[in-house]
Amino acid sequence: MDPDVIPLYKGVNECKIGTGGTQDDTKTLIMDGTDDTYVDQNDFGSNFIRMRLTDGVRELQTVIRDKSTPRNDFIFYADRLIRLVVEEGLNKLPYRKCDVVTPTGQVYEGLRYEKGNCGVSIVRSGEAMEQGLRDCCRSIRIGKILIQSDDDTHDARVVYANLPKDINQRKVLLMYPIMCTGNTVAKALEILQMNNVKEENIILLNLFCTPQSANQLVTKFPGMTILTTEVHPVAPGHFGQKYFGTD
């Protein structure tokens, strides 16, 4: 079950997902002998973007994964990583050229966002990313989708959706930080498609995902852009519980 859907799972800190069960798929996950971490060798296409792994990003990922991290520190470091992903996601939105006059009277050739963008968070863990988006875009509209996942079958169903009425005319920043199977995000994308949102107008903002979830989404929704910081067979499934203090 994807983390942080309703009802919440109990007693699981991390979710470990394979790549599909075939021997060839398993070989695409190799061990990096320098630090004993998995390195993903899959190519998920040009619309799947992994942020450049700097030492700073790796530190943020490490603190978030560390079970001994106090909740206050967890939130602080998670918000920092979220902000990086949001800023990178904003770079994928359309801009237009504009000229402004500086205090010295000079004309500066700059850029402004095109109007018509919105955010959509997948409740509950996706709500952790809302403030990061608002910090960058103060007046942006944000919709919500609540999805329930079956404990046994992992099938997802929509419980609630509140979206801008003109969402089909907007670029959509879909927010969900942790993906294990990809089922929850896939169901949310079906809702967006039912509201006539084109795949190419959707940018998924994600922190951690497994190869299985990445493969499912790029296969079902090849036109969507996915932005993440890490692809790893073990996703930090405790994220939502620790962020909101329900662990």
C-alpha atoms as a PDB file:
ATOM      1  CA  MET A   1       0.000   0.000   0.000  1.00  0.00           C
ATOM      2  CA  ASP A   2       1.253   3.449  -0.837  1.00  0.00           C
ATOM      3  CA  PRO A   3       2.113   5.376   2.333  1.00  0.00           C
ATOM      4  CA  ASP A   4      -0.159   7.950   3.896  1.00  0.00           C
ATOM      5  CA  VAL A   5      -3.372   7.095   2.141  1.00  0.00           C
ATOM      6  CA  ILE A   6      -6.489   6.607   4.279  1.00  0.00           C
ATOM      7  CA  PRO A   7      -6.571   4.394   6.286  1.00  0.00           C
ATOM      8  CA  LEU A   8      -2.970   4.720   7.434  1.00  0.00           C
ATOM      9  CA  TYR A   9      -0.936   1.546   7.601  1.00  0.00           C
ATOM     10  CA  LYS A  10       0.474   0.554  10.974  1.00  0.00           C
ATOM     11  CA  GLY A  11       3.919  -0.489  12.121  1.00  0.00           C
ATOM     12  CA  VAL A  12       5.772  -0.067   8.852  1.00  0.00           C
ATOM     13  CA  ASN A  13       8.672   2.343   8.591  1.00  0.00           C
ATOM     14  CA  GLU A  14       9.865   1.591   5.087  1.00  0.00           C
ATOM     15  CA  CYS A  15       8.353  -0.065   2.058  1.00  0.00           C
ATOM     16  CA  LYS A  16      10.602  -2.233  -0.063  1.00  0.00           C
ATOM     17  CA  ILE A  17       9.401  -2.830  -3.576  1.00  0.00           C
ATOM     18  CA  GLY A  18      10.928  -4.879  -6.371  1.00  0.00           C
ATOM     19  CA  THR A  19      11.077  -3.790  -9.977  1.00  0.00           C
ATOM     20  CA  GLY A  20       8.555  -6.249 -11.340  1.00  0.00           C
ATOM     21  CA  GLY A  21       9.825  -9.686 -10.463  1.00  0.00           C
ATOM     22  CA  THR A  22      11.917 -10.610 -13.503  1.00  0.00           C
ATOM     23  CA  GLN A  23      15.554 -11.521 -13.320  1.00  0.00           C
ATOM     24  CA  ASP A  24      16.497  -8.858 -15.852  1.00  0.00           C
ATOM     25  CA  ASP A  25      14.701  -6.155 -13.868  1.00  0.00           C
ATOM     26  CA  THR A  26      16.498  -7.180 -10.700  1.00  0.00           C
ATOM     27  CA  LYS A  27      19.854  -6.741 -12.392  1.00  0.00           C
ATOM     28  CA  THR A  28      19.127  -3.089 -13.039  1.00  0.00           C
ATOM     29  CA  LEU A  29      19.559  -2.413  -9.311  1.00  0.00           C
ATOM     30  CA  ILE A  30      23.240  -2.702  -8.435  1.00  0.00           C
ATOM     31  CA  MET A  31      25.145  -2.062  -5.246  1.00  0.00           C
ATOM     32  CA  ASP A  32      27.538   0.854  -5.107  1.00  0.00           C
ATOM     33  CA  GLY A  33      30.536  -0.584  -3.303  1.00  0.00           C
ATOM     34  CA  THR A  34      31.632   2.795  -1.981  1.00  0.00           C
ATOM     35  CA  ASP A  35      28.701   3.434   0.342  1.00  0.00           C
ATOM     36  CA  ASP A  36      26.514   0.298   0.203  1.00  0.00           C
ATOM     37  CA  THR A  37      23.580   2.099  -1.389  1.00  0.00           C
ATOM     38  CA  TYR A  38      21.548   1.032  -4.376  1.00  0.00           C
ATOM     39  CA  VAL A  39      22.179   2.800  -7.645  1.00  0.00           C
ATOM     40  CA  ASP A  40      19.329   2.707 -10.132  1.00  0.00           C
ATOM     41  CA  GLN A  41      20.387   1.999 -13.700  1.00  0.00           C
ATOM     42  CA  ASN A  42      16.931   2.188 -15.317  1.00  0.00           C
ATOM     43  CA  ASP A  43      16.194   4.738 -17.993  1.00  0.00           C
ATOM     44  CA  PHE A  44      12.648   5.972 -17.486  1.00  0.00           C
ATOM     45  CA  GLY A  45      12.661   8.342 -20.453  1.00  0.00           C
ATOM     46  CA  SER A  46      13.185  12.036 -21.029  1.00  0.00           C
ATOM     47  CA  ASN A  47      10.130  13.106 -18.999  1.00  0.00           C
ATOM     48  CA  PHE A  48      11.487  11.445 -15.856  1.00  0.00           C
ATOM     49  CA  ILE A  49      13.878  13.837 -14.155  1.00  0.00           C
ATOM     50  CA  ARG A  50      16.101  13.061 -11.192  1.00  0.00           C
ATOM     51  CA  MET A  51      17.577  16.105  -9.524  1.00  0.00           C
ATOM     52  CA  ARG A  52      21.342  16.301  -9.486  1.00  0.00           C
ATOM     53  CA  LEU A  53      22.611  14.484  -6.404  1.00  0.00           C
ATOM     54  CA  THR A  54      24.773  16.946  -4.513  1.00  0.00           C
ATOM     55  CA  ASP A  55      26.228  16.382  -1.048  1.00  0.00           C
ATOM     56  CA  GLY A  56      23.613  18.788   0.282  1.00  0.00           C
ATOM     57  CA  VAL A  57      20.731  16.821  -1.239  1.00  0.00           C
ATOM     58  CA  ARG A  58      22.178  13.547   0.004  1.00  0.00           C
ATOM     59  CA  GLU A  59      22.404  14.968   3.532  1.00  0.00           C
ATOM     60  CA  LEU A  60      18.729  15.926   3.440  1.00  0.00           C
ATOM     61  CA  GLN A  61      17.792  12.450   2.221  1.00  0.00           C
ATOM     62  CA  THR A  62      19.909  10.876   4.961  1.00  0.00           C
ATOM     63  CA  VAL A  63      18.318  12.861   7.791  1.00  0.00           C
ATOM     64  CA  ILE A  64      14.833  12.028   6.503  1.00  0.00           C
ATOM     65  CA  ARG A  65      15.627   8.302   6.345  1.00  0.00           C
ATOM     66  CA  ASP A  66      17.331   8.176   9.767  1.00  0.00           C
ATOM     67  CA  LYS A  67      14.915   6.624  12.289  1.00  0.00           C
ATOM     68  CA  SER A  68      16.608   8.500  15.146  1.00  0.00           C
ATOM     69  CA  THR A  69      15.915  11.965  13.677  1.00  0.00           C
ATOM     70  CA  PRO A  70      13.742  14.045  16.067  1.00  0.00           C
ATOM     71  CA  ARG A  71      10.468  15.196  14.545  1.00  0.00           C
ATOM     72  CA  ASN A  72      11.403  18.906  14.617  1.00  0.00           C
ATOM     73  CA  ASP A  73      14.585  18.190  12.674  1.00  0.00           C
ATOM     74  CA  PHE A  74      12.704  15.847  10.357  1.00  0.00           C
ATOM     75  CA  ILE A  75      10.238  18.579   9.402  1.00  0.00           C
ATOM     76  CA  PHE A  76      13.015  21.152   8.962  1.00  0.00           C
ATOM     77  CA  TYR A  77      15.058  18.953   6.624  1.00  0.00           C
ATOM     78  CA  ALA A  78      11.981  17.659   4.782  1.00  0.00           C
ATOM     79  CA  ASP A  79      10.837  21.221   4.115  1.00  0.00           C
ATOM     80  CA  ARG A  80      14.262  22.059   2.715  1.00  0.00           C
ATOM     81  CA  LEU A  81      14.145  19.114   0.316  1.00  0.00           C
ATOM     82  CA  ILE A  82      10.570  19.938  -0.646  1.00  0.00           C
ATOM     83  CA  ARG A  83      11.576  23.515  -1.433  1.00  0.00           C
ATOM     84  CA  LEU A  84      14.336  22.308  -3.762  1.00  0.00           C
ATOM     85  CA  VAL A  85      11.906  20.053  -5.630  1.00  0.00           C
ATOM     86  CA  VAL A  86       9.279  22.797  -5.868  1.00  0.00           C
ATOM     87  CA  GLU A  87      11.797  25.304  -7.220  1.00  0.00           C
ATOM     88  CA  GLU A  88      12.942  22.788  -9.824  1.00  0.00           C
ATOM     89  CA  GLY A  89       9.335  22.060 -10.731  1.00  0.00           C
ATOM     90  CA  LEU A  90       8.671  25.754 -11.274  1.00  0.00           C
ATOM     91  CA  ASN A  91      11.494  25.757 -13.822  1.00  0.00           C
ATOM     92  CA  LYS A  92       9.354  23.434 -15.945  1.00  0.00           C
ATOM     93  CA  LEU A  93       6.469  25.925 -16.151  1.00  0.00           C
ATOM     94  CA  PRO A  94       6.113  28.275 -19.129  1.00  0.00           C
ATOM     95  CA  TYR A  95       7.567  31.780 -18.916  1.00  0.00           C
ATOM     96  CA  ARG A  96       7.198  34.858 -21.070  1.00  0.00           C
ATOM     97  CA  LYS A  97       9.719  37.575 -21.784  1.00  0.00           C
ATOM     98  CA  CYS A  98       9.217  40.965 -20.202  1.00  0.00           C
ATOM     99  CA  ASP A  99      11.133  44.215 -19.759  1.00  0.00           C
ATOM    100  CA  VAL A 100      11.374  46.095 -16.452  1.00  0.00           C
ATOM    101  CA  VAL A 101      13.014  49.363 -15.477  1.00  0.00           C
ATOM    102  CA  THR A 102      15.620  49.162 -12.713  1.00  0.00           C
ATOM    103  CA  PRO A 103      16.098  51.833  -9.984  1.00  0.00           C
ATOM    104  CA  THR A 104      18.980  53.226 -12.061  1.00  0.00           C
ATOM    105  CA  GLY A 105      16.692  53.739 -15.061  1.00  0.00           C
ATOM    106  CA  GLN A 106      18.062  50.843 -17.091  1.00  0.00           C
ATOM    107  CA  VAL A 107      15.838  48.465 -19.036  1.00  0.00           C
ATOM    108  CA  TYR A 108      16.289  44.861 -17.931  1.00  0.00           C
ATOM    109  CA  GLU A 109      15.171  41.998 -20.158  1.00  0.00           C
ATOM    110  CA  GLY A 110      13.638  39.415 -17.836  1.00  0.00           C
ATOM    111  CA  LEU A 111      11.025  36.675 -17.511  1.00  0.00           C
ATOM    112  CA  ARG A 112       7.666  36.200 -15.809  1.00  0.00           C
ATOM    113  CA  TYR A 113       5.545  33.100 -15.273  1.00  0.00           C
ATOM    114  CA  GLU A 114       2.689  32.622 -17.668  1.00  0.00           C
ATOM    115  CA  LYS A 115      -0.637  32.706 -15.835  1.00  0.00           C
ATOM    116  CA  GLY A 116      -2.713  29.563 -15.417  1.00  0.00           C
ATOM    117  CA  ASN A 117      -0.791  27.303 -13.026  1.00  0.00           C
ATOM    118  CA  CYS A 118      -2.137  25.401 -10.025  1.00  0.00           C
ATOM    119  CA  GLY A 119      -1.120  22.796  -7.488  1.00  0.00           C
ATOM    120  CA  VAL A 120      -2.897  19.581  -6.499  1.00  0.00           C
ATOM    121  CA  SER A 121      -1.890  17.669  -3.383  1.00  0.00           C
ATOM    122  CA  ILE A 122      -2.720  14.012  -2.826  1.00  0.00           C
ATOM    123  CA  VAL A 123      -3.921  13.832   0.774  1.00  0.00           C
ATOM    124  CA  ARG A 124      -2.378  13.266   3.207  1.00  0.00           C
ATOM    125  CA  SER A 125       1.371  13.293   2.665  1.00  0.00           C
ATOM    126  CA  GLY A 126       1.059  15.545  -0.371  1.00  0.00           C
ATOM    127  CA  GLU A 127      -0.180  18.307   1.929  1.00  0.00           C
ATOM    128  CA  ALA A 128       3.327  18.473   3.408  1.00  0.00           C
ATOM    129  CA  MET A 129       4.438  20.026   0.108  1.00  0.00           C
ATOM    130  CA  GLU A 130       1.748  22.711  -0.064  1.00  0.00           C
ATOM    131  CA  GLN A 131       3.573  25.281   2.058  1.00  0.00           C
ATOM    132  CA  GLY A 132       6.713  24.907  -0.023  1.00  0.00           C
ATOM    133  CA  LEU A 133       4.676  25.708  -3.126  1.00  0.00           C
ATOM    134  CA  ARG A 134       2.943  28.658  -1.463  1.00  0.00           C
ATOM    135  CA  ASP A 135       6.301  30.021  -0.304  1.00  0.00           C
ATOM    136  CA  CYS A 136       7.287  30.256  -3.960  1.00  0.00           C
ATOM    137  CA  CYS A 137       3.891  31.176  -5.446  1.00  0.00           C
ATOM    138  CA  ARG A 138       1.847  33.047  -2.860  1.00  0.00           C
ATOM    139  CA  SER A 139      -1.408  33.273  -4.807  1.00  0.00           C
ATOM    140  CA  ILE A 140      -1.385  29.867  -6.514  1.00  0.00           C
ATOM    141  CA  ARG A 141      -4.566  27.811  -6.280  1.00  0.00           C
ATOM    142  CA  ILE A 142      -4.223  24.360  -4.721  1.00  0.00           C
ATOM    143  CA  GLY A 143      -6.694  21.499  -5.108  1.00  0.00           C
ATOM    144  CA  LYS A 144      -6.839  18.242  -3.165  1.00  0.00           C
ATOM    145  CA  ILE A 145      -7.489  14.580  -3.923  1.00  0.00           C
ATOM    146  CA  LEU A 146      -8.098  12.043  -1.139  1.00  0.00           C
ATOM    147  CA  ILE A 147      -7.542   8.414  -2.090  1.00  0.00           C
ATOM    148  CA  GLN A 148      -8.184   5.281  -0.043  1.00  0.00           C
ATOM    149  CA  SER A 149      -6.095   2.163  -0.596  1.00  0.00           C
ATOM    150  CA  ASP A 150      -7.253  -1.368   0.200  1.00  0.00           C
ATOM    151  CA  ASP A 151      -5.073  -3.081   2.803  1.00  0.00           C
ATOM    152  CA  ASP A 152      -5.126  -6.435   0.991  1.00  0.00           C
ATOM    153  CA  THR A 153      -5.310  -5.684  -2.745  1.00  0.00           C
ATOM    154  CA  HIS A 154      -3.599  -2.247  -2.709  1.00  0.00           C
ATOM    155  CA  ASP A 155      -6.322  -1.070  -5.103  1.00  0.00           C
ATOM    156  CA  ALA A 156      -6.939   2.660  -4.806  1.00  0.00           C
ATOM    157  CA  ARG A 157     -10.270   4.477  -4.929  1.00  0.00           C
ATOM    158  CA  VAL A 158     -11.085   8.167  -4.795  1.00  0.00           C
ATOM    159  CA  VAL A 159     -12.853   9.375  -1.662  1.00  0.00           C
ATOM    160  CA  TYR A 160     -12.789  13.121  -2.269  1.00  0.00           C
ATOM    161  CA  ALA A 161     -11.603  15.550  -4.918  1.00  0.00           C
ATOM    162  CA  ASN A 162     -11.695  19.345  -4.877  1.00  0.00           C
ATOM    163  CA  LEU A 163     -10.137  20.846  -7.989  1.00  0.00           C
ATOM    164  CA  PRO A 164     -10.217  24.258  -9.681  1.00  0.00           C
ATOM    165  CA  LYS A 165     -13.121  24.371 -12.124  1.00  0.00           C
ATOM    166  CA  ASP A 166     -10.835  25.477 -14.947  1.00  0.00           C
ATOM    167  CA  ILE A 167      -8.087  22.965 -14.168  1.00  0.00           C
ATOM    168  CA  ASN A 168      -8.192  21.680 -17.744  1.00  0.00           C
ATOM    169  CA  GLN A 169      -6.811  25.071 -18.822  1.00  0.00           C
ATOM    170  CA  ARG A 170      -3.958  25.073 -16.298  1.00  0.00           C
ATOM    171  CA  LYS A 171      -0.534  23.570 -15.797  1.00  0.00           C
ATOM    172  CA  VAL A 172      -0.796  21.251 -12.778  1.00  0.00           C
ATOM    173  CA  LEU A 173       1.890  20.651 -10.152  1.00  0.00           C
ATOM    174  CA  LEU A 174       0.813  17.325  -8.618  1.00  0.00           C
ATOM    175  CA  MET A 175       2.366  16.807  -5.161  1.00  0.00           C
ATOM    176  CA  TYR A 176       3.067  13.431  -3.528  1.00  0.00           C
ATOM    177  CA  PRO A 177       6.382  12.907  -1.712  1.00  0.00           C
ATOM    178  CA  ILE A 178       6.652   9.101  -1.377  1.00  0.00           C
ATOM    179  CA  MET A 179       5.801   6.522  -4.039  1.00  0.00           C
ATOM    180  CA  CYS A 180       6.081   2.790  -3.367  1.00  0.00           C
ATOM    181  CA  THR A 181       3.780   1.160  -5.924  1.00  0.00           C
ATOM    182  CA  GLY A 182       2.549   4.219  -7.825  1.00  0.00           C
ATOM    183  CA  ASN A 183      -1.088   3.122  -7.475  1.00  0.00           C
ATOM    184  CA  THR A 184      -2.201   6.183  -5.526  1.00  0.00           C
ATOM    185  CA  VAL A 185      -0.652   8.624  -7.984  1.00  0.00           C
ATOM    186  CA  ALA A 186      -2.021   6.652 -10.935  1.00  0.00           C
ATOM    187  CA  LYS A 187      -5.544   6.947  -9.514  1.00  0.00           C
ATOM    188  CA  ALA A 188      -5.072  10.697  -8.959  1.00  0.00           C
ATOM    189  CA  LEU A 189      -3.908  11.061 -12.548  1.00  0.00           C
ATOM    190  CA  GLU A 190      -7.042   9.278 -13.746  1.00  0.00           C
ATOM    191  CA  ILE A 191      -9.109  11.890 -11.882  1.00  0.00           C
ATOM    192  CA  LEU A 192      -7.169  14.685 -13.548  1.00  0.00           C
ATOM    193  CA  GLN A 193      -7.721  13.075 -16.939  1.00  0.00           C
ATOM    194  CA  MET A 194     -11.450  12.785 -16.191  1.00  0.00           C
ATOM    195  CA  ASN A 195     -11.337  16.568 -15.742  1.00  0.00           C
ATOM    196  CA  ASN A 196      -9.746  16.902 -19.197  1.00  0.00           C
ATOM    197  CA  VAL A 197      -6.231  17.713 -17.953  1.00  0.00           C
ATOM    198  CA  LYS A 198      -3.666  16.747 -20.577  1.00  0.00           C
ATOM    199  CA  GLU A 199      -0.705  14.600 -19.540  1.00  0.00           C
ATOM    200  CA  GLU A 200       1.754  17.131 -20.902  1.00  0.00           C
ATOM    201  CA  ASN A 201       0.273  19.751 -18.569  1.00  0.00           C
ATOM    202  CA  ILE A 202       1.047  17.705 -15.432  1.00  0.00           C
ATOM    203  CA  ILE A 203       4.291  17.874 -13.454  1.00  0.00           C
ATOM    204  CA  LEU A 204       4.576  15.378 -10.585  1.00  0.00           C
ATOM    205  CA  LEU A 205       6.649  16.674  -7.664  1.00  0.00           C
ATOM    206  CA  ASN A 206       8.073  13.760  -5.658  1.00  0.00           C
ATOM    207  CA  LEU A 207      10.846  13.214  -3.101  1.00  0.00           C
ATOM    208  CA  PHE A 208      11.415   9.440  -3.103  1.00  0.00           C
ATOM    209  CA  CYS A 209      10.147   6.735  -5.433  1.00  0.00           C
ATOM    210  CA  THR A 210      10.790   3.070  -6.160  1.00  0.00           C
ATOM    211  CA  PRO A 211      11.682   1.694  -9.605  1.00  0.00           C
ATOM    212  CA  GLN A 212       8.306  -0.080  -9.715  1.00  0.00           C
ATOM    213  CA  SER A 213       6.337   3.113  -9.194  1.00  0.00           C
ATOM    214  CA  ALA A 214       8.452   5.015 -11.692  1.00  0.00           C
ATOM    215  CA  ASN A 215       8.034   2.326 -14.319  1.00  0.00           C
ATOM    216  CA  GLN A 216       4.269   2.139 -13.836  1.00  0.00           C
ATOM    217  CA  LEU A 217       3.769   5.873 -14.188  1.00  0.00           C
ATOM    218  CA  VAL A 218       6.009   6.447 -17.209  1.00  0.00           C
ATOM    219  CA  THR A 219       4.320   3.495 -18.910  1.00  0.00           C
ATOM    220  CA  LYS A 220       0.732   4.592 -18.215  1.00  0.00           C
ATOM    221  CA  PHE A 221       1.301   8.350 -18.489  1.00  0.00           C
ATOM    222  CA  PRO A 222       4.249   8.912 -20.841  1.00  0.00           C
ATOM    223  CA  GLY A 223       3.381  12.552 -21.489  1.00  0.00           C
ATOM    224  CA  MET A 224       3.602  13.596 -17.830  1.00  0.00           C
ATOM    225  CA  THR A 225       6.788  15.068 -16.361  1.00  0.00           C
ATOM    226  CA  ILE A 226       8.040  13.429 -13.144  1.00  0.00           C
ATOM    227  CA  LEU A 227      10.530  15.199 -10.906  1.00  0.00           C
ATOM    228  CA  THR A 228      12.131  13.350  -7.982  1.00  0.00           C
ATOM    229  CA  THR A 229      15.289  13.374  -5.869  1.00  0.00           C
ATOM    230  CA  GLU A 230      15.840   9.611  -5.669  1.00  0.00           C
ATOM    231  CA  VAL A 231      14.884   6.265  -7.180  1.00  0.00           C
ATOM    232  CA  HIS A 232      15.558   3.470  -4.675  1.00  0.00           C
ATOM    233  CA  PRO A 233      13.958   0.069  -3.963  1.00  0.00           C
ATOM    234  CA  VAL A 234      13.279   1.143  -0.372  1.00  0.00           C
ATOM    235  CA  ALA A 235      11.145   4.264   0.073  1.00  0.00           C
ATOM    236  CA  PRO A 236      10.801   6.012   3.471  1.00  0.00           C
ATOM    237  CA  GLY A 237       7.195   5.077   4.067  1.00  0.00           C
ATOM    238  CA  HIS A 238       7.190   6.685   7.512  1.00  0.00           C
ATOM    239  CA  PHE A 239       7.371  10.163   5.955  1.00  0.00           C
ATOM    240  CA  GLY A 240       3.751  11.263   6.371  1.00  0.00           C
ATOM    241  CA  GLN A 241       3.346   9.831   9.841  1.00  0.00           C
ATOM    242  CA  LYS A 242       6.489  11.504  11.159  1.00  0.00           C
ATOM    243  CA  TYR A 243       5.862  14.802   9.385  1.00  0.00           C
ATOM    244  CA  PHE A 244       2.346  15.143  10.818  1.00  0.00           C
ATOM    245  CA  GLY A 245       3.205  13.605  14.191  1.00  0.00           C
ATOM    246  CA  THR A 246       1.058  10.487  14.001  1.00  0.00           C
ATOM    247  CA  ASP A 247       3.852   7.918  14.207  1.00  0.00           C
END
